[in-house]
């Protein structure tokens, strides 16, 4: 596994890790990651939930229209209805992360 010196991981870092760990060219690992992202988006639109064993689940939730306020000038705005994606971590992954804490 390649060591990442930044606090956050970028898409390029994931692509490089896939390439390094599997031993395939970066262009192939880029295709793999892009296809995975497309699959997740397509399935979320169709089914609104994706469960990945020992990892977690992505859930598409609908947020209804509501009124928001600017705290500086107290002006009210309508916030339009929208879909949001939430992630729930699996029990297995939670235990792995908290193993040495």
N, C-alpha and C. Protein backbone atom coordinates (compact mmCIF):
# COMPACT_ATOMS: atom_id res chain seq x y z
N UNK A 1 0.84 -1.18 0.00
CA UNK A 1 0.00 0.00 0.00
C UNK A 1 0.88 1.24 0.00
N UNK A 2 0.54 2.18 -0.84
CA UNK A 2 1.30 3.42 -0.91
C UNK A 2 0.92 4.32 0.26
N UNK A 3 1.89 5.02 0.80
CA UNK A 3 1.64 5.94 1.91
C UNK A 3 1.23 7.31 1.35
N UNK A 4 0.18 7.88 1.93
CA UNK A 4 -0.33 9.18 1.50
C UNK A 4 0.01 10.20 2.58
N UNK A 5 0.63 11.30 2.19
CA UNK A 5 1.11 12.27 3.17
C UNK A 5 0.07 13.33 3.53
N UNK A 6 -1.01 13.43 2.73
CA UNK A 6 -2.04 14.44 3.01
C UNK A 6 -3.07 13.89 3.99
N UNK A 7 -3.90 14.80 4.53
CA UNK A 7 -4.96 14.40 5.44
C UNK A 7 -6.13 13.74 4.71
N UNK A 8 -6.43 14.20 3.52
CA UNK A 8 -7.54 13.64 2.76
C UNK A 8 -7.02 12.84 1.57
N UNK A 9 -7.82 11.87 1.14
CA UNK A 9 -7.43 11.03 0.02
C UNK A 9 -8.16 11.51 -1.22
N UNK A 10 -7.44 11.66 -2.28
CA UNK A 10 -8.02 12.10 -3.55
C UNK A 10 -8.22 10.89 -4.46
N UNK A 11 -9.02 11.09 -5.50
CA UNK A 11 -9.30 10.03 -6.46
C UNK A 11 -8.00 9.49 -7.06
N UNK A 12 -7.07 10.37 -7.34
CA UNK A 12 -5.78 9.97 -7.92
C UNK A 12 -5.03 9.04 -6.97
N UNK A 13 -5.13 9.28 -5.65
CA UNK A 13 -4.48 8.41 -4.67
C UNK A 13 -5.07 7.01 -4.68
N UNK A 14 -6.39 6.92 -4.81
CA UNK A 14 -7.05 5.62 -4.87
C UNK A 14 -6.63 4.88 -6.14
N UNK A 15 -6.59 5.60 -7.25
CA UNK A 15 -6.17 5.00 -8.52
C UNK A 15 -4.74 4.47 -8.42
N UNK A 16 -3.85 5.24 -7.82
CA UNK A 16 -2.46 4.80 -7.66
C UNK A 16 -2.36 3.58 -6.75
N UNK A 17 -3.16 3.54 -5.68
CA UNK A 17 -3.16 2.39 -4.77
C UNK A 17 -3.66 1.14 -5.48
N UNK A 18 -4.73 1.26 -6.26
CA UNK A 18 -5.24 0.11 -7.01
C UNK A 18 -4.15 -0.40 -7.95
N UNK A 19 -3.52 0.50 -8.67
CA UNK A 19 -2.47 0.14 -9.62
C UNK A 19 -1.30 -0.55 -8.92
N UNK A 20 -0.87 -0.01 -7.79
CA UNK A 20 0.27 -0.55 -7.06
C UNK A 20 -0.04 -1.92 -6.46
N UNK A 21 -1.21 -2.06 -5.83
CA UNK A 21 -1.56 -3.30 -5.13
C UNK A 21 -1.86 -4.45 -6.08
N UNK A 22 -2.51 -4.17 -7.20
CA UNK A 22 -2.89 -5.23 -8.13
C UNK A 22 -1.80 -5.45 -9.18
N UNK A 23 -1.03 -4.42 -9.46
CA UNK A 23 0.03 -4.54 -10.45
C UNK A 23 -0.45 -4.33 -11.87
N UNK A 24 -1.40 -3.41 -12.01
CA UNK A 24 -1.92 -3.09 -13.34
C UNK A 24 -1.58 -1.64 -13.67
N UNK A 25 -1.63 -1.27 -14.94
CA UNK A 25 -1.34 0.12 -15.30
C UNK A 25 -2.34 1.10 -14.68
N UNK A 26 -1.89 2.32 -14.47
CA UNK A 26 -2.74 3.36 -13.87
C UNK A 26 -3.97 3.61 -14.73
N UNK A 27 -3.83 3.53 -16.04
CA UNK A 27 -4.98 3.77 -16.92
C UNK A 27 -6.09 2.74 -16.67
N UNK A 28 -5.71 1.48 -16.41
CA UNK A 28 -6.71 0.44 -16.12
C UNK A 28 -7.37 0.67 -14.75
N UNK A 29 -6.56 1.05 -13.76
CA UNK A 29 -7.14 1.29 -12.44
C UNK A 29 -8.05 2.52 -12.46
N UNK A 30 -7.76 3.48 -13.32
CA UNK A 30 -8.64 4.64 -13.50
C UNK A 30 -9.99 4.19 -14.07
N UNK A 31 -9.94 3.31 -15.06
CA UNK A 31 -11.19 2.77 -15.63
C UNK A 31 -11.99 1.99 -14.59
N UNK A 32 -11.30 1.20 -13.78
CA UNK A 32 -11.98 0.42 -12.74
C UNK A 32 -12.70 1.33 -11.76
N UNK A 33 -12.02 2.35 -11.28
CA UNK A 33 -12.64 3.26 -10.31
C UNK A 33 -13.79 4.04 -10.93
N UNK A 34 -13.62 4.53 -12.16
CA UNK A 34 -14.70 5.25 -12.82
C UNK A 34 -15.92 4.36 -13.05
N UNK A 35 -15.69 3.10 -13.44
CA UNK A 35 -16.81 2.17 -13.62
C UNK A 35 -17.50 1.87 -12.29
N UNK A 36 -16.73 1.73 -11.22
CA UNK A 36 -17.33 1.49 -9.90
C UNK A 36 -18.22 2.65 -9.49
N UNK A 37 -17.76 3.86 -9.70
CA UNK A 37 -18.54 5.04 -9.35
C UNK A 37 -19.83 5.10 -10.19
N UNK A 38 -19.73 4.79 -11.49
CA UNK A 38 -20.92 4.78 -12.36
C UNK A 38 -21.92 3.73 -11.90
N UNK A 39 -21.42 2.55 -11.51
CA UNK A 39 -22.30 1.48 -11.03
C UNK A 39 -23.02 1.91 -9.76
N UNK A 40 -22.30 2.52 -8.83
CA UNK A 40 -22.92 2.99 -7.58
C UNK A 40 -24.01 4.03 -7.87
N UNK A 41 -23.73 4.98 -8.73
CA UNK A 41 -24.71 6.03 -9.05
C UNK A 41 -25.94 5.44 -9.71
N UNK A 42 -25.74 4.56 -10.68
CA UNK A 42 -26.86 3.95 -11.40
C UNK A 42 -27.74 3.14 -10.46
N UNK A 43 -27.13 2.34 -9.60
CA UNK A 43 -27.90 1.51 -8.68
C UNK A 43 -28.59 2.33 -7.60
N UNK A 44 -27.97 3.42 -7.16
CA UNK A 44 -28.64 4.28 -6.18
C UNK A 44 -29.89 4.93 -6.78
N UNK A 45 -29.79 5.33 -8.04
CA UNK A 45 -30.95 5.94 -8.71
C UNK A 45 -32.09 4.94 -8.84
N UNK A 46 -31.77 3.67 -9.12
CA UNK A 46 -32.79 2.65 -9.34
C UNK A 46 -33.35 2.08 -8.04
N UNK A 47 -32.48 1.78 -7.09
CA UNK A 47 -32.90 1.02 -5.91
C UNK A 47 -32.90 1.85 -4.62
N UNK A 48 -32.23 2.95 -4.59
CA UNK A 48 -32.11 3.87 -3.46
C UNK A 48 -31.34 3.30 -2.26
N UNK A 49 -30.77 2.09 -2.38
CA UNK A 49 -29.91 1.58 -1.32
C UNK A 49 -28.94 0.55 -1.90
N UNK A 50 -27.67 0.65 -1.47
CA UNK A 50 -26.65 -0.31 -1.87
C UNK A 50 -25.99 -0.81 -0.59
N UNK A 51 -26.00 -2.12 -0.40
CA UNK A 51 -25.34 -2.72 0.76
C UNK A 51 -24.11 -3.48 0.28
N UNK A 52 -22.96 -3.18 0.89
CA UNK A 52 -21.73 -3.88 0.58
C UNK A 52 -21.30 -4.58 1.87
N UNK A 53 -21.29 -5.90 1.84
CA UNK A 53 -21.00 -6.69 3.02
C UNK A 53 -19.65 -6.32 3.62
N UNK A 54 -19.60 -6.21 4.93
CA UNK A 54 -18.39 -5.87 5.71
C UNK A 54 -17.84 -4.48 5.41
N UNK A 55 -18.60 -3.65 4.73
CA UNK A 55 -18.17 -2.28 4.45
C UNK A 55 -19.21 -1.28 4.93
N UNK A 56 -20.44 -1.38 4.41
CA UNK A 56 -21.50 -0.47 4.82
C UNK A 56 -22.55 -0.35 3.75
N UNK A 57 -23.43 0.62 3.92
CA UNK A 57 -24.49 0.80 2.93
C UNK A 57 -24.66 2.28 2.60
N UNK A 58 -24.92 2.52 1.33
CA UNK A 58 -25.22 3.85 0.82
C UNK A 58 -26.74 3.92 0.67
N UNK A 59 -27.35 4.99 1.18
CA UNK A 59 -28.80 5.13 1.12
C UNK A 59 -29.13 6.49 0.51
N UNK A 60 -30.03 6.47 -0.47
CA UNK A 60 -30.50 7.69 -1.10
C UNK A 60 -31.75 8.14 -0.36
N UNK A 61 -31.72 9.35 0.21
CA UNK A 61 -32.86 9.87 0.97
C UNK A 61 -33.38 11.13 0.29
N UNK A 62 -34.69 11.30 0.36
CA UNK A 62 -35.34 12.49 -0.19
C UNK A 62 -35.50 13.53 0.90
N UNK A 63 -35.09 14.75 0.62
CA UNK A 63 -35.33 15.86 1.55
C UNK A 63 -36.38 16.74 0.92
N UNK A 64 -37.37 17.08 1.70
CA UNK A 64 -38.47 17.89 1.18
C UNK A 64 -38.11 19.38 1.20
N UNK A 65 -38.95 20.18 0.57
CA UNK A 65 -38.75 21.62 0.51
C UNK A 65 -38.89 22.19 1.92
N UNK A 66 -38.03 23.17 2.23
CA UNK A 66 -38.11 23.82 3.54
C UNK A 66 -37.63 25.26 3.42
N UNK A 67 -37.85 26.01 4.47
CA UNK A 67 -37.43 27.40 4.50
C UNK A 67 -36.15 27.51 5.32
N UNK A 68 -35.15 28.16 4.75
CA UNK A 68 -33.90 28.42 5.45
C UNK A 68 -33.72 29.91 5.65
N UNK A 69 -32.90 30.27 6.62
CA UNK A 69 -32.67 31.68 6.91
C UNK A 69 -31.18 31.98 6.91
N UNK A 70 -30.84 33.15 6.36
CA UNK A 70 -29.48 33.65 6.43
C UNK A 70 -29.31 34.23 7.84
N UNK A 71 -28.39 33.69 8.65
CA UNK A 71 -28.26 34.17 10.03
C UNK A 71 -27.78 35.62 10.15
N UNK A 72 -27.11 36.13 9.10
CA UNK A 72 -26.62 37.50 9.16
C UNK A 72 -27.74 38.52 9.02
N UNK A 73 -28.56 38.34 7.97
CA UNK A 73 -29.58 39.36 7.71
C UNK A 73 -31.01 38.85 7.95
N UNK A 74 -31.16 37.63 8.44
CA UNK A 74 -32.46 37.03 8.77
C UNK A 74 -33.39 36.88 7.57
N UNK A 75 -32.85 37.00 6.37
CA UNK A 75 -33.66 36.86 5.16
C UNK A 75 -33.98 35.38 4.93
N UNK A 76 -35.23 35.09 4.57
CA UNK A 76 -35.66 33.71 4.37
C UNK A 76 -35.51 33.29 2.92
N UNK A 77 -35.13 32.02 2.71
CA UNK A 77 -34.97 31.44 1.39
C UNK A 77 -35.67 30.09 1.35
N UNK A 78 -36.20 29.75 0.18
CA UNK A 78 -36.75 28.41 0.00
C UNK A 78 -35.62 27.48 -0.41
N UNK A 79 -35.48 26.38 0.31
CA UNK A 79 -34.52 25.34 -0.05
C UNK A 79 -35.30 24.27 -0.78
N UNK A 80 -34.94 24.03 -2.03
CA UNK A 80 -35.70 23.12 -2.89
C UNK A 80 -35.55 21.67 -2.45
N UNK A 81 -36.53 20.83 -2.80
CA UNK A 81 -36.39 19.40 -2.48
C UNK A 81 -35.22 18.80 -3.25
N UNK A 82 -34.57 17.84 -2.62
CA UNK A 82 -33.39 17.24 -3.24
C UNK A 82 -33.14 15.85 -2.67
N UNK A 83 -32.28 15.11 -3.34
CA UNK A 83 -31.85 13.81 -2.87
C UNK A 83 -30.46 13.94 -2.26
N UNK A 84 -30.24 13.24 -1.16
CA UNK A 84 -28.92 13.20 -0.53
C UNK A 84 -28.51 11.75 -0.32
N UNK A 85 -27.22 11.50 -0.32
CA UNK A 85 -26.70 10.16 -0.10
C UNK A 85 -26.10 10.11 1.30
N UNK A 86 -26.50 9.11 2.07
CA UNK A 86 -25.91 8.90 3.39
C UNK A 86 -25.18 7.57 3.38
N UNK A 87 -24.18 7.45 4.23
CA UNK A 87 -23.41 6.21 4.34
C UNK A 87 -23.50 5.72 5.76
N UNK A 88 -23.87 4.44 5.92
CA UNK A 88 -23.88 3.81 7.24
C UNK A 88 -22.81 2.74 7.26
N UNK A 89 -21.90 2.87 8.19
CA UNK A 89 -20.77 1.94 8.29
C UNK A 89 -21.25 0.60 8.83
N UNK A 90 -20.66 -0.49 8.36
CA UNK A 90 -21.04 -1.82 8.85
C UNK A 90 -20.39 -2.06 10.22
N UNK A 91 -20.96 -2.98 10.95
CA UNK A 91 -20.44 -3.33 12.27
C UNK A 91 -19.01 -3.87 12.15
N UNK A 92 -18.77 -4.68 11.12
CA UNK A 92 -17.45 -5.27 10.89
C UNK A 92 -16.39 -4.19 10.65
N UNK A 93 -16.69 -3.22 9.79
CA UNK A 93 -15.73 -2.15 9.50
C UNK A 93 -15.51 -1.27 10.72
N UNK A 94 -16.57 -1.01 11.47
CA UNK A 94 -16.45 -0.20 12.68
C UNK A 94 -15.52 -0.87 13.68
N UNK A 95 -15.62 -2.18 13.82
CA UNK A 95 -14.74 -2.91 14.73
C UNK A 95 -13.30 -2.86 14.24
N UNK A 96 -13.08 -3.00 12.93
CA UNK A 96 -11.73 -2.94 12.36
C UNK A 96 -11.07 -1.57 12.60
N UNK A 97 -11.86 -0.51 12.41
CA UNK A 97 -11.33 0.84 12.58
C UNK A 97 -10.97 1.11 14.04
N UNK A 98 -11.80 0.63 14.96
CA UNK A 98 -11.61 0.89 16.39
C UNK A 98 -10.80 -0.18 17.09
N UNK A 99 -10.14 -1.06 16.36
CA UNK A 99 -9.40 -2.17 16.95
C UNK A 99 -8.26 -1.71 17.83
N UNK A 100 -7.48 -0.74 17.40
CA UNK A 100 -6.29 -0.31 18.15
C UNK A 100 -6.46 1.06 18.78
N UNK A 101 -7.67 1.47 19.05
CA UNK A 101 -7.89 2.80 19.63
C UNK A 101 -7.76 2.74 21.13
